[in-house]
Structure formats: C-alpha cells, structure tokens
Amino acid sequence: MQIASYIDHTVLKPTTTITDIEKLCAEALQYKFAAVCVPPLFVKKAVALVKDSEVKVATVIGFPFGYSAVEAKVAELVLAIIDGADELDIVINISAIKNNDWQFLANEINTMMPIIKNKNKVVKIIIESGILTDDEIIRCCTVYAAAGVDFMKTSTGYAEKGASVHAVELMRSHLDKNIQIKASGGIKSYTFAKQLIDAGATRIGCSSSIQIVNEAAQ
C-alpha cells in the first residue's frame, strides 16, 4: 500500500503563513500526496505551487464550526472555485443536528451541491463524528448520500475527539460504495492511519503526513 496516495497533506491552523503553504506544497510534490488542504485565503497560492502535478488542492468551507449561514458558505465555496480549488471540505451545521433539524441540513447541502457539481468539483462533507451519536452519524449518511456527495469526512480536528475506527466502519456500512470516506483529526501514526484505511477510509487528512510515510517505509 502506497500510504502517500491516501493523504491530504494539511495545514489549517489560524496562524498559517505563506511560508507554511510553500513548505506544504513542496512536501506534497516530493512525497506525491493526494492533495494539499489549505485555508481559503491560500487556495490561489497553492494552486500555483502544485500546477502541472497530480496533487489536488482542497480547502475548507464553514470551518471549523459549521454554523455559518448557508449564504456565507455559498459565498465561500464560489470564491474557492474561482480561486481554483479542486476539492471542497464543507463543515455541516452541527447545531442543526443537535436540534434534530434534518430539513435544515438537507436544504443547506441541496443549496450548495448544484454549484459544486456544475463546476465538477469534489465535495467532502465534514460531520464531526466524534461529537455525534451513532444514530446521528447514520442519519447523516442518509441525508448526504441522497444529496450525492463524493466523500463523508469524520472530523475538522477542532472538536474534542477526532477520527475513530468505529466511526469509519459505521459510515462505511451505511453508505453506498461510490461514496468515499475521509478520516481526519488526530491521525499521527502509520498504525492508526492503516487501521482507518482498513476500516474503509480512502483518504486520510493529517499534518503528520511525512512522519506517517516514514513509519510506513520502516
């Protein structure tokens, strides 16, 4: 298994600098990671840095808490598309889940999907699985599969709990095979990354990417 091909090499800290982005993209090119995941401010820069390579550029929408207005998320994703992002990692409205307002969540994603699909971009829906019940995760699988998303993603990395093998297995067992799973949040070792992949994840979002690749090589 070429672990690098599963990895979205990520820097999303609020203090991210241009130097961080240059380093991230250089490492992604060197190690042949699947994608770089950068804050919206740096999409245009990342696109220029990985130009003419296989490395995709992902960014986040509604990050990290997901409770921005739908109109704000739409504005973010339109700008990200204009700036050249290939993949859009969208944080859903977690407050709506906790208020059992599934109609709001369906309306939110159905407002965004036509814009994304019209431009043939990849959409990954971040559900923050670490703070959801199993029933809530399963309900998310139903809502977002119906909307036609490309990936379900476990976590932002900002909640008290990130990715887990249990969450990935649960999502995998309640999603069609054509919907992929991205595990992210607290993935710092090859052993854990491999467990998540074995459970059904096809992407791993992390900042410890090089450490993971080096451990895999050993």
Foldseek 3Di string as FASTA:
>chain_A
DLQQQQEAAEDEDPPDDPVNLLVSLVVCQVSVHQEYEYELVCLLVSCVSQPPHNYFYEYEFCPDQAQDDLVRSQVSVVSSVVSPHQEYEYEHHQVCLVVVNVVVRLVSLLVRLVVCVVSPHAYEYEDQQVPDDLVSLLVVQVSVLVSPHQEYEHHDQPDPDFFDLVSLLSSVVRHDPRRAYEGEHPDQELVRVVSNVVSGHRHYYDNNSVRRSVRVVD
